[in-house]
């Protein structure tokens, strides 16, 4: 029951979301390109008596790009889940008020890092090759382009939740309580 909070959860959010979105875009792009190349090279080939290669490609590899298309909303759910996890972790942390100053200092550093990541992401999505694939990730694009704003909101709200949790926790649970005296 010794639940400890982590100061690096905002940085984990930044890095994990950035890497997962880039990986998802590359996987979706690669699967679409592979399916197109398979159709261009094998559509006219007859495999068996009445079986066309185009039908076999659609029945086998054709399901891969369709399943990777779900990554557009899975990434949004991952972002939402990580934010909820940070806020819940802020609620469960048992820290003393002296640690609020470093928490807000680290939140400020996370905002500066998120500005760098957001600018890099903006450069990446303007790539001519992957621009069409990035366009389908609307929720993740919005989050990553406005990353400093979201990191600031999550950091400040997490700090407020941490303070409220500390103030309202009874003394028997290992924290100090203010009851007005």
N, C-alpha and C. Protein backbone atom coordinates (compact mmCIF):
# COMPACT_ATOMS: atom_id res chain seq x y z
N UNK A 1 0.81 -1.20 0.00
CA UNK A 1 0.00 0.00 0.00
C UNK A 1 0.85 1.25 0.00
N UNK A 2 2.14 1.14 -0.17
CA UNK A 2 3.00 2.30 -0.17
C UNK A 2 3.05 2.87 -1.58
N UNK A 3 2.01 3.54 -1.99
CA UNK A 3 1.86 4.09 -3.34
C UNK A 3 2.69 5.35 -3.46
N UNK A 4 3.62 5.36 -4.38
CA UNK A 4 4.48 6.51 -4.60
C UNK A 4 4.17 7.09 -5.97
N UNK A 5 4.21 8.40 -6.05
CA UNK A 5 3.99 9.08 -7.32
C UNK A 5 5.28 9.18 -8.10
N UNK A 6 5.17 9.57 -9.32
CA UNK A 6 6.34 9.68 -10.17
C UNK A 6 6.37 11.06 -10.81
N UNK A 7 7.53 11.66 -10.78
CA UNK A 7 7.68 12.97 -11.39
C UNK A 7 7.84 12.87 -12.91
N UNK A 8 8.15 11.70 -13.42
CA UNK A 8 8.46 11.58 -14.84
C UNK A 8 7.26 11.15 -15.69
N UNK A 9 6.08 11.07 -15.11
CA UNK A 9 4.92 10.57 -15.87
C UNK A 9 4.58 11.46 -17.06
N UNK A 10 4.80 12.77 -16.95
CA UNK A 10 4.54 13.65 -18.10
C UNK A 10 5.53 13.38 -19.23
N UNK A 11 6.78 13.11 -18.88
CA UNK A 11 7.77 12.80 -19.90
C UNK A 11 7.48 11.46 -20.56
N UNK A 12 7.01 10.50 -19.78
CA UNK A 12 6.63 9.20 -20.35
C UNK A 12 5.47 9.39 -21.32
N UNK A 13 4.50 10.22 -20.96
CA UNK A 13 3.38 10.52 -21.85
C UNK A 13 3.88 11.11 -23.17
N UNK A 14 4.77 12.08 -23.09
CA UNK A 14 5.29 12.74 -24.29
C UNK A 14 5.98 11.73 -25.20
N UNK A 15 6.90 10.96 -24.65
CA UNK A 15 7.71 10.06 -25.45
C UNK A 15 6.88 8.90 -26.01
N UNK A 16 6.05 8.30 -25.17
CA UNK A 16 5.27 7.14 -25.61
C UNK A 16 4.29 7.54 -26.71
N UNK A 17 3.60 8.65 -26.55
CA UNK A 17 2.63 9.08 -27.56
C UNK A 17 3.35 9.40 -28.87
N UNK A 18 4.46 10.09 -28.81
CA UNK A 18 5.22 10.44 -30.02
C UNK A 18 5.68 9.18 -30.75
N UNK A 19 6.26 8.24 -30.03
CA UNK A 19 6.78 7.02 -30.65
C UNK A 19 5.65 6.15 -31.19
N UNK A 20 4.58 6.00 -30.42
CA UNK A 20 3.47 5.14 -30.86
C UNK A 20 2.78 5.72 -32.10
N UNK A 21 2.59 7.01 -32.15
CA UNK A 21 1.95 7.62 -33.32
C UNK A 21 2.85 7.47 -34.55
N UNK A 22 4.14 7.73 -34.41
CA UNK A 22 5.04 7.55 -35.56
C UNK A 22 5.07 6.10 -36.02
N UNK A 23 5.15 5.17 -35.08
CA UNK A 23 5.16 3.75 -35.44
C UNK A 23 3.86 3.35 -36.13
N UNK A 24 2.74 3.84 -35.64
CA UNK A 24 1.44 3.50 -36.23
C UNK A 24 1.32 4.05 -37.64
N UNK A 25 1.79 5.27 -37.86
CA UNK A 25 1.72 5.86 -39.20
C UNK A 25 2.59 5.08 -40.17
N UNK A 26 3.79 4.71 -39.74
CA UNK A 26 4.68 3.96 -40.62
C UNK A 26 4.09 2.58 -40.93
N UNK A 27 3.52 1.92 -39.94
CA UNK A 27 2.93 0.60 -40.19
C UNK A 27 1.74 0.69 -41.14
N UNK A 28 0.89 1.68 -40.95
CA UNK A 28 -0.25 1.85 -41.85
C UNK A 28 0.20 2.18 -43.27
N UNK A 29 1.18 3.05 -43.40
CA UNK A 29 1.70 3.40 -44.72
C UNK A 29 2.33 2.18 -45.40
N UNK A 30 3.14 1.44 -44.66
CA UNK A 30 3.81 0.26 -45.23
C UNK A 30 2.80 -0.80 -45.66
N UNK A 31 1.77 -1.02 -44.87
CA UNK A 31 0.79 -2.04 -45.26
C UNK A 31 0.00 -1.60 -46.49
N UNK A 32 -0.35 -0.32 -46.58
CA UNK A 32 -1.06 0.16 -47.77
C UNK A 32 -0.19 0.08 -49.01
N UNK A 33 1.08 0.43 -48.89
CA UNK A 33 1.99 0.35 -50.03
C UNK A 33 2.21 -1.10 -50.46
N UNK A 34 2.34 -2.00 -49.50
CA UNK A 34 2.53 -3.41 -49.83
C UNK A 34 1.31 -3.97 -50.55
N UNK A 35 0.13 -3.63 -50.07
CA UNK A 35 -1.08 -4.10 -50.73
C UNK A 35 -1.19 -3.55 -52.15
N UNK A 36 -0.85 -2.29 -52.34
CA UNK A 36 -0.88 -1.72 -53.70
C UNK A 36 0.12 -2.41 -54.62
N UNK A 37 1.33 -2.66 -54.13
CA UNK A 37 2.35 -3.33 -54.96
C UNK A 37 1.95 -4.77 -55.28
N UNK A 38 1.34 -5.45 -54.33
CA UNK A 38 0.87 -6.81 -54.60
C UNK A 38 -0.20 -6.81 -55.69
N UNK A 39 -1.11 -5.86 -55.62
CA UNK A 39 -2.15 -5.78 -56.65
C UNK A 39 -1.56 -5.41 -58.00
N UNK A 40 -0.60 -4.52 -58.04
CA UNK A 40 -0.01 -4.11 -59.33
C UNK A 40 0.75 -5.25 -59.99
N UNK A 41 1.41 -6.07 -59.20
CA UNK A 41 2.24 -7.12 -59.81
C UNK A 41 1.51 -8.45 -60.00
N UNK A 42 0.49 -8.74 -59.20
CA UNK A 42 -0.11 -10.07 -59.24
C UNK A 42 -1.57 -10.11 -59.64
N UNK A 43 -2.19 -8.99 -59.97
CA UNK A 43 -3.62 -9.00 -60.27
C UNK A 43 -3.98 -9.85 -61.50
N UNK A 44 -3.12 -9.90 -62.46
CA UNK A 44 -3.44 -10.61 -63.70
C UNK A 44 -3.03 -12.08 -63.68
N UNK A 45 -2.47 -12.54 -62.60
CA UNK A 45 -2.00 -13.91 -62.52
C UNK A 45 -3.15 -14.82 -62.08
N UNK A 46 -3.32 -15.91 -62.82
CA UNK A 46 -4.33 -16.91 -62.45
C UNK A 46 -3.62 -18.01 -61.68
N UNK A 47 -4.06 -18.27 -60.47
CA UNK A 47 -3.38 -19.25 -59.63
C UNK A 47 -3.90 -20.66 -59.87
N UNK A 48 -5.18 -20.84 -59.84
CA UNK A 48 -5.79 -22.15 -60.04
C UNK A 48 -6.78 -22.02 -61.18
N UNK A 49 -7.63 -22.97 -61.33
CA UNK A 49 -8.56 -22.97 -62.44
C UNK A 49 -9.46 -21.74 -62.45
N UNK A 50 -10.14 -21.46 -61.37
CA UNK A 50 -11.07 -20.33 -61.33
C UNK A 50 -10.70 -19.29 -60.26
N UNK A 51 -9.47 -19.32 -59.80
CA UNK A 51 -9.05 -18.43 -58.73
C UNK A 51 -8.13 -17.36 -59.28
N UNK A 52 -8.45 -16.12 -58.97
CA UNK A 52 -7.65 -14.99 -59.40
C UNK A 52 -6.75 -14.56 -58.24
N UNK A 53 -5.54 -14.12 -58.53
CA UNK A 53 -4.61 -13.68 -57.50
C UNK A 53 -5.13 -12.46 -56.76
N UNK A 54 -5.88 -11.62 -57.44
CA UNK A 54 -6.43 -10.43 -56.79
C UNK A 54 -7.35 -10.80 -55.64
N UNK A 55 -8.16 -11.83 -55.83
CA UNK A 55 -9.06 -12.28 -54.77
C UNK A 55 -8.27 -12.88 -53.60
N UNK A 56 -7.22 -13.61 -53.90
CA UNK A 56 -6.39 -14.21 -52.85
C UNK A 56 -5.69 -13.12 -52.05
N UNK A 57 -5.19 -12.09 -52.72
CA UNK A 57 -4.53 -10.98 -52.03
C UNK A 57 -5.51 -10.27 -51.11
N UNK A 58 -6.71 -10.01 -51.60
CA UNK A 58 -7.71 -9.33 -50.77
C UNK A 58 -8.14 -10.18 -49.58
N UNK A 59 -8.22 -11.50 -49.78
CA UNK A 59 -8.64 -12.39 -48.70
C UNK A 59 -7.56 -12.58 -47.65
N UNK A 60 -6.30 -12.47 -48.02
CA UNK A 60 -5.21 -12.73 -47.07
C UNK A 60 -4.61 -11.42 -46.56
N UNK A 61 -3.79 -10.78 -47.35
CA UNK A 61 -3.10 -9.58 -46.90
C UNK A 61 -4.01 -8.36 -46.86
N UNK A 62 -5.12 -8.40 -47.52
CA UNK A 62 -6.04 -7.26 -47.55
C UNK A 62 -6.60 -6.90 -46.20
N UNK A 63 -6.62 -7.86 -45.28
CA UNK A 63 -7.13 -7.57 -43.93
C UNK A 63 -6.14 -6.79 -43.08
N UNK A 64 -4.87 -6.80 -43.46
CA UNK A 64 -3.85 -6.11 -42.65
C UNK A 64 -4.04 -4.59 -42.67
N UNK A 65 -4.15 -3.94 -43.82
CA UNK A 65 -4.38 -2.49 -43.78
C UNK A 65 -5.71 -2.11 -43.12
N UNK A 66 -6.72 -2.97 -43.28
CA UNK A 66 -7.99 -2.69 -42.62
C UNK A 66 -7.85 -2.72 -41.10
N UNK A 67 -7.07 -3.65 -40.60
CA UNK A 67 -6.88 -3.71 -39.15
C UNK A 67 -5.98 -2.58 -38.67
N UNK A 68 -5.00 -2.19 -39.46
CA UNK A 68 -4.13 -1.06 -39.07
C UNK A 68 -4.88 0.27 -39.10
N UNK A 69 -5.96 0.36 -39.85
CA UNK A 69 -6.76 1.58 -39.85
C UNK A 69 -7.36 1.87 -38.48
N UNK A 70 -7.51 0.84 -37.66
CA UNK A 70 -8.03 1.03 -36.30
C UNK A 70 -7.03 1.78 -35.41
N UNK A 71 -5.78 1.83 -35.82
CA UNK A 71 -4.78 2.55 -35.04
C UNK A 71 -5.09 4.04 -34.94
N UNK A 72 -5.90 4.56 -35.86
CA UNK A 72 -6.24 5.99 -35.80
C UNK A 72 -7.01 6.33 -34.54
N UNK A 73 -7.89 5.47 -34.08
CA UNK A 73 -8.63 5.75 -32.84
C UNK A 73 -7.99 5.06 -31.64
N UNK A 74 -7.21 4.01 -31.86
CA UNK A 74 -6.52 3.36 -30.74
C UNK A 74 -5.49 4.31 -30.13
N UNK A 75 -4.81 5.09 -30.97
CA UNK A 75 -3.84 6.05 -30.44
C UNK A 75 -4.52 7.11 -29.58
N UNK A 76 -5.71 7.54 -29.97
CA UNK A 76 -6.44 8.52 -29.17
C UNK A 76 -6.84 7.92 -27.82
N UNK A 77 -7.28 6.68 -27.83
CA UNK A 77 -7.64 6.03 -26.58
C UNK A 77 -6.42 5.82 -25.69
N UNK A 78 -5.26 5.55 -26.28
CA UNK A 78 -4.03 5.43 -25.51
C UNK A 78 -3.68 6.76 -24.85
N UNK A 79 -3.80 7.84 -25.58
CA UNK A 79 -3.53 9.17 -25.02
C UNK A 79 -4.48 9.46 -23.87
N UNK A 80 -5.76 9.22 -24.08
CA UNK A 80 -6.76 9.46 -23.04
C UNK A 80 -6.49 8.60 -21.81
N UNK A 81 -6.15 7.35 -22.01
CA UNK A 81 -5.85 6.45 -20.89
C UNK A 81 -4.63 6.87 -20.11
N UNK A 82 -3.61 7.33 -20.80
CA UNK A 82 -2.40 7.78 -20.10
C UNK A 82 -2.68 9.04 -19.29
N UNK A 83 -3.50 9.93 -19.81
CA UNK A 83 -3.85 11.14 -19.07
C UNK A 83 -4.64 10.78 -17.82
N UNK A 84 -5.60 9.88 -17.94
CA UNK A 84 -6.37 9.42 -16.79
C UNK A 84 -5.45 8.76 -15.76
N UNK A 85 -4.47 8.00 -16.24
CA UNK A 85 -3.52 7.35 -15.35
C UNK A 85 -2.67 8.36 -14.58
N UNK A 86 -2.25 9.43 -15.24
CA UNK A 86 -1.48 10.48 -14.57
C UNK A 86 -2.33 11.16 -13.50
N UNK A 87 -3.56 11.46 -13.83
CA UNK A 87 -4.43 12.13 -12.86
C UNK A 87 -4.77 11.21 -11.68
N UNK A 88 -4.97 9.93 -11.95
CA UNK A 88 -5.23 8.98 -10.87
C UNK A 88 -3.99 8.81 -10.00
N UNK A 89 -2.81 8.76 -10.62
CA UNK A 89 -1.57 8.69 -9.87
C UNK A 89 -1.37 9.91 -8.99
N UNK A 90 -1.79 11.07 -9.48
CA UNK A 90 -1.71 12.29 -8.67
C UNK A 90 -2.64 12.20 -7.47
N UNK A 91 -3.77 11.57 -7.64
CA UNK A 91 -4.70 11.41 -6.53
C UNK A 91 -4.15 10.46 -5.48
N UNK A 92 -3.51 9.39 -5.91
CA UNK A 92 -3.05 8.36 -4.99
C UNK A 92 -1.70 8.66 -4.34
N UNK A 93 -1.00 9.67 -4.80
CA UNK A 93 0.33 9.95 -4.27
C UNK A 93 0.22 10.47 -2.84
N UNK A 94 1.16 10.07 -2.02
CA UNK A 94 1.21 10.52 -0.63
C UNK A 94 2.50 11.29 -0.44
N UNK A 95 2.43 12.54 -0.71
CA UNK A 95 3.61 13.37 -0.62
C UNK A 95 3.34 14.56 0.29
N UNK A 96 4.39 15.18 0.72
CA UNK A 96 4.27 16.34 1.57
C UNK A 96 4.34 17.60 0.71
N UNK A 97 3.85 18.72 1.22
CA UNK A 97 3.77 19.94 0.40
C UNK A 97 5.11 20.43 -0.12
N UNK A 98 6.20 20.03 0.46
CA UNK A 98 7.51 20.48 0.00
C UNK A 98 7.79 19.98 -1.42
N UNK A 99 7.14 18.90 -1.82
CA UNK A 99 7.37 18.32 -3.14
C UNK A 99 6.51 18.94 -4.24
N UNK A 100 5.62 19.87 -3.89
CA UNK A 100 4.82 20.52 -4.92
C UNK A 100 5.66 21.47 -5.76
N UNK A 101 6.63 22.12 -5.16
CA UNK A 101 7.51 23.03 -5.91
C UNK A 101 8.30 22.28 -6.98
N UNK A 102 8.98 21.17 -6.64
CA UNK A 102 9.65 20.41 -7.71
C UNK A 102 8.68 19.86 -8.75
N UNK A 103 7.47 19.50 -8.33
CA UNK A 103 6.48 18.99 -9.28
C UNK A 103 6.15 20.04 -10.34
N UNK A 104 5.92 21.27 -9.90
CA UNK A 104 5.60 22.33 -10.86
C UNK A 104 6.83 22.74 -11.68
N UNK A 105 8.01 22.63 -11.11
CA UNK A 105 9.24 22.89 -11.86
C UNK A 105 9.42 21.84 -12.96
N UNK A 106 9.18 20.59 -12.63
CA UNK A 106 9.29 19.52 -13.63
C UNK A 106 8.19 19.64 -14.66
N UNK A 107 7.01 20.10 -14.27
CA UNK A 107 5.94 20.35 -15.23
C UNK A 107 6.38 21.43 -16.22
N UNK A 108 7.03 22.47 -15.74
CA UNK A 108 7.54 23.52 -16.63
C UNK A 108 8.59 22.99 -17.59
N UNK A 109 9.48 22.12 -17.11
CA UNK A 109 10.47 21.51 -17.99
C UNK A 109 9.78 20.61 -19.02
N UNK A 110 8.75 19.89 -18.61
CA UNK A 110 8.00 19.04 -19.54
C UNK A 110 7.31 19.88 -20.62
N UNK A 111 6.85 21.06 -20.26
CA UNK A 111 6.23 21.95 -21.25
C UNK A 111 7.27 22.39 -22.27
N UNK A 112 8.48 22.72 -21.82
CA UNK A 112 9.54 23.13 -22.74
C UNK A 112 9.91 21.97 -23.67
N UNK A 113 10.03 20.77 -23.13
CA UNK A 113 10.33 19.60 -23.95
C UNK A 113 9.20 19.33 -24.94
N UNK A 114 7.97 19.52 -24.50
CA UNK A 114 6.83 19.27 -25.39
C UNK A 114 6.76 20.28 -26.53
N UNK A 115 7.26 21.49 -26.33
CA UNK A 115 7.34 22.46 -27.42
C UNK A 115 8.28 21.94 -28.50
N UNK A 116 9.41 21.39 -28.09
CA UNK A 116 10.38 20.84 -29.05
C UNK A 116 9.77 19.66 -29.80
N UNK A 117 9.09 18.77 -29.08
CA UNK A 117 8.46 17.60 -29.72
C UNK A 117 7.35 18.03 -30.67
N UNK A 118 6.55 19.01 -30.27
CA UNK A 118 5.44 19.48 -31.12
C UNK A 118 5.98 20.11 -32.41
N UNK A 119 7.05 20.88 -32.31
CA UNK A 119 7.64 21.48 -33.51
C UNK A 119 8.24 20.41 -34.42
N UNK A 120 8.89 19.42 -33.83
CA UNK A 120 9.43 18.31 -34.63
C UNK A 120 8.32 17.54 -35.32
N UNK A 121 7.24 17.30 -34.60
CA UNK A 121 6.11 16.58 -35.17
C UNK A 121 5.48 17.36 -36.32
N UNK A 122 5.41 18.67 -36.17
CA UNK A 122 4.86 19.49 -37.24
C UNK A 122 5.71 19.38 -38.50
N UNK A 123 7.02 19.32 -38.34
CA UNK A 123 7.90 19.13 -39.49
C UNK A 123 7.72 17.74 -40.12
N UNK A 124 7.53 16.74 -39.28
CA UNK A 124 7.40 15.37 -39.77
C UNK A 124 6.11 15.18 -40.56
N UNK A 125 5.00 15.75 -40.08
CA UNK A 125 3.72 15.51 -40.78
C UNK A 125 3.64 16.23 -42.11
N UNK A 126 4.56 17.14 -42.37
CA UNK A 126 4.58 17.82 -43.66
C UNK A 126 5.39 17.07 -44.71
N UNK A 127 5.88 15.89 -44.36
CA UNK A 127 6.61 15.04 -45.30
C UNK A 127 5.65 14.62 -46.41
N UNK A 128 6.07 14.78 -47.66
CA UNK A 128 5.20 14.48 -48.81
C UNK A 128 4.80 13.02 -48.87
N UNK A 129 5.67 12.14 -48.46
CA UNK A 129 5.39 10.71 -48.58
C UNK A 129 4.34 10.26 -47.58
N UNK A 130 4.45 10.72 -46.34
CA UNK A 130 3.57 10.24 -45.28
C UNK A 130 2.41 11.19 -44.97
N UNK A 131 2.29 12.29 -45.68
CA UNK A 131 1.27 13.30 -45.35
C UNK A 131 -0.15 12.74 -45.41
N UNK A 132 -0.44 11.91 -46.39
CA UNK A 132 -1.78 11.33 -46.50
C UNK A 132 -2.11 10.40 -45.34
N UNK A 133 -1.12 9.64 -44.89
CA UNK A 133 -1.34 8.74 -43.77
C UNK A 133 -1.49 9.51 -42.48
N UNK A 134 -0.67 10.55 -42.30
CA UNK A 134 -0.80 11.39 -41.10
C UNK A 134 -2.16 12.08 -41.03
N UNK A 135 -2.74 12.38 -42.18
CA UNK A 135 -4.03 13.07 -42.21
C UNK A 135 -5.14 12.24 -41.60
N UNK A 136 -5.01 10.92 -41.63
CA UNK A 136 -6.06 10.07 -41.07
C UNK A 136 -5.98 9.99 -39.54
N UNK A 137 -4.87 10.40 -38.95
CA UNK A 137 -4.70 10.39 -37.49
C UNK A 137 -5.08 11.76 -36.92
N UNK A 138 -6.33 12.14 -37.06
CA UNK A 138 -6.74 13.50 -36.68
C UNK A 138 -6.64 13.75 -35.18
N UNK A 139 -7.08 12.82 -34.35
CA UNK A 139 -7.02 13.02 -32.90
C UNK A 139 -5.60 13.06 -32.38
N UNK A 140 -4.77 12.16 -32.83
CA UNK A 140 -3.37 12.14 -32.40
C UNK A 140 -2.63 13.36 -32.93
N UNK A 141 -2.95 13.78 -34.16
CA UNK A 141 -2.32 14.99 -34.70
C UNK A 141 -2.67 16.20 -33.86
N UNK A 142 -3.93 16.33 -33.49
CA UNK A 142 -4.35 17.46 -32.67
C UNK A 142 -3.62 17.46 -31.33
N UNK A 143 -3.55 16.29 -30.70
CA UNK A 143 -2.88 16.22 -29.40
C UNK A 143 -1.40 16.57 -29.52
N UNK A 144 -0.71 16.03 -30.52
CA UNK A 144 0.72 16.27 -30.64
C UNK A 144 1.04 17.69 -31.13
N UNK A 145 0.17 18.28 -31.93
CA UNK A 145 0.43 19.65 -32.37
C UNK A 145 0.19 20.66 -31.25
N UNK A 146 -0.73 20.35 -30.35
CA UNK A 146 -1.00 21.21 -29.19
C UNK A 146 -0.46 20.58 -27.91
N UNK A 147 0.62 19.83 -28.02
CA UNK A 147 1.19 19.11 -26.90
C UNK A 147 1.57 20.00 -25.71
N UNK A 148 2.18 21.17 -25.91
CA UNK A 148 2.50 22.01 -24.75
C UNK A 148 1.28 22.43 -23.95
N UNK A 149 0.19 22.70 -24.63
CA UNK A 149 -1.04 23.10 -23.93
C UNK A 149 -1.56 21.94 -23.10
N UNK A 150 -1.62 20.75 -23.70
CA UNK A 150 -2.14 19.59 -22.98
C UNK A 150 -1.24 19.17 -21.83
N UNK A 151 0.06 19.24 -22.02
CA UNK A 151 0.99 18.89 -20.94
C UNK A 151 0.85 19.89 -19.80
N UNK A 152 0.69 21.16 -20.12
CA UNK A 152 0.48 22.17 -19.08
C UNK A 152 -0.81 21.93 -18.31
N UNK A 153 -1.88 21.62 -19.03
CA UNK A 153 -3.16 21.37 -18.36
C UNK A 153 -3.08 20.13 -17.48
N UNK A 154 -2.53 19.04 -18.02
CA UNK A 154 -2.44 17.80 -17.24
C UNK A 154 -1.53 18.00 -16.04
N UNK A 155 -0.43 18.72 -16.21
CA UNK A 155 0.49 18.95 -15.11
C UNK A 155 -0.12 19.78 -14.00
N UNK A 156 -0.78 20.86 -14.36
CA UNK A 156 -1.39 21.73 -13.35
C UNK A 156 -2.57 21.04 -12.67
N UNK A 157 -3.41 20.39 -13.44
CA UNK A 157 -4.55 19.67 -12.85
C UNK A 157 -4.04 18.54 -11.96
N UNK A 158 -2.99 17.85 -12.39
CA UNK A 158 -2.41 16.80 -11.56
C UNK A 158 -1.88 17.36 -10.24
N UNK A 159 -1.24 18.52 -10.29
CA UNK A 159 -0.76 19.15 -9.06
C UNK A 159 -1.89 19.56 -8.15
N UNK A 160 -2.95 20.09 -8.72
CA UNK A 160 -4.12 20.47 -7.92
C UNK A 160 -4.75 19.24 -7.28
N UNK A 161 -4.90 18.18 -8.03
CA UNK A 161 -5.46 16.94 -7.49
C UNK A 161 -4.56 16.39 -6.39
N UNK A 162 -3.24 16.47 -6.59
CA UNK A 162 -2.31 15.99 -5.59
C UNK A 162 -2.45 16.79 -4.29
N UNK A 163 -2.59 18.10 -4.41
CA UNK A 163 -2.73 18.94 -3.23
C UNK A 163 -4.06 18.68 -2.53
N UNK A 164 -5.14 18.59 -3.28
CA UNK A 164 -6.44 18.32 -2.68
C UNK A 164 -6.44 16.96 -2.00
N UNK A 165 -5.82 15.99 -2.63
CA UNK A 165 -5.74 14.65 -2.04
C UNK A 165 -4.93 14.69 -0.75
N UNK A 166 -3.89 15.48 -0.70
CA UNK A 166 -3.07 15.59 0.50
C UNK A 166 -3.82 16.28 1.62
N UNK A 167 -4.54 17.34 1.29
CA UNK A 167 -5.25 18.12 2.31
C UNK A 167 -6.41 17.32 2.90
N UNK A 168 -7.11 16.56 2.11
CA UNK A 168 -8.31 15.87 2.58
C UNK A 168 -8.04 14.48 3.13
N UNK A 169 -6.83 13.99 3.06
CA UNK A 169 -6.52 12.64 3.55
C UNK A 169 -6.43 12.65 5.08
N UNK A 170 -7.09 11.73 5.76
CA UNK A 170 -7.02 11.68 7.22
C UNK A 170 -5.62 11.33 7.70
N UNK A 171 -5.30 11.71 8.94
CA UNK A 171 -3.98 11.47 9.50
C UNK A 171 -3.66 9.99 9.61
N UNK A 172 -4.64 9.15 9.79
CA UNK A 172 -4.39 7.72 9.94
C UNK A 172 -3.87 7.06 8.67
N UNK A 173 -3.97 7.72 7.55
CA UNK A 173 -3.51 7.14 6.29
C UNK A 173 -2.11 7.58 5.93
N UNK A 174 -1.39 8.17 6.85
CA UNK A 174 0.01 8.48 6.61
C UNK A 174 0.27 9.85 6.02
N UNK A 175 -0.66 10.75 6.07
CA UNK A 175 -0.45 12.09 5.55
C UNK A 175 -0.86 13.10 6.61
N UNK A 176 -0.51 14.30 6.41
CA UNK A 176 -0.89 15.36 7.33
C UNK A 176 -2.22 15.93 6.88
N UNK A 177 -3.03 16.35 7.81
CA UNK A 177 -4.34 16.87 7.45
C UNK A 177 -4.52 18.24 8.05
N UNK A 178 -5.13 19.11 7.29
CA UNK A 178 -5.50 20.43 7.79
C UNK A 178 -7.00 20.43 8.01
N UNK A 179 -7.41 20.71 9.22
CA UNK A 179 -8.82 20.78 9.53
C UNK A 179 -9.18 22.16 10.06
N UNK A 180 -8.37 23.16 9.76
CA UNK A 180 -8.66 24.52 10.16
C UNK A 180 -8.11 24.90 11.51
N UNK A 181 -7.30 24.05 12.12
CA UNK A 181 -6.71 24.43 13.42
C UNK A 181 -5.32 23.91 13.55
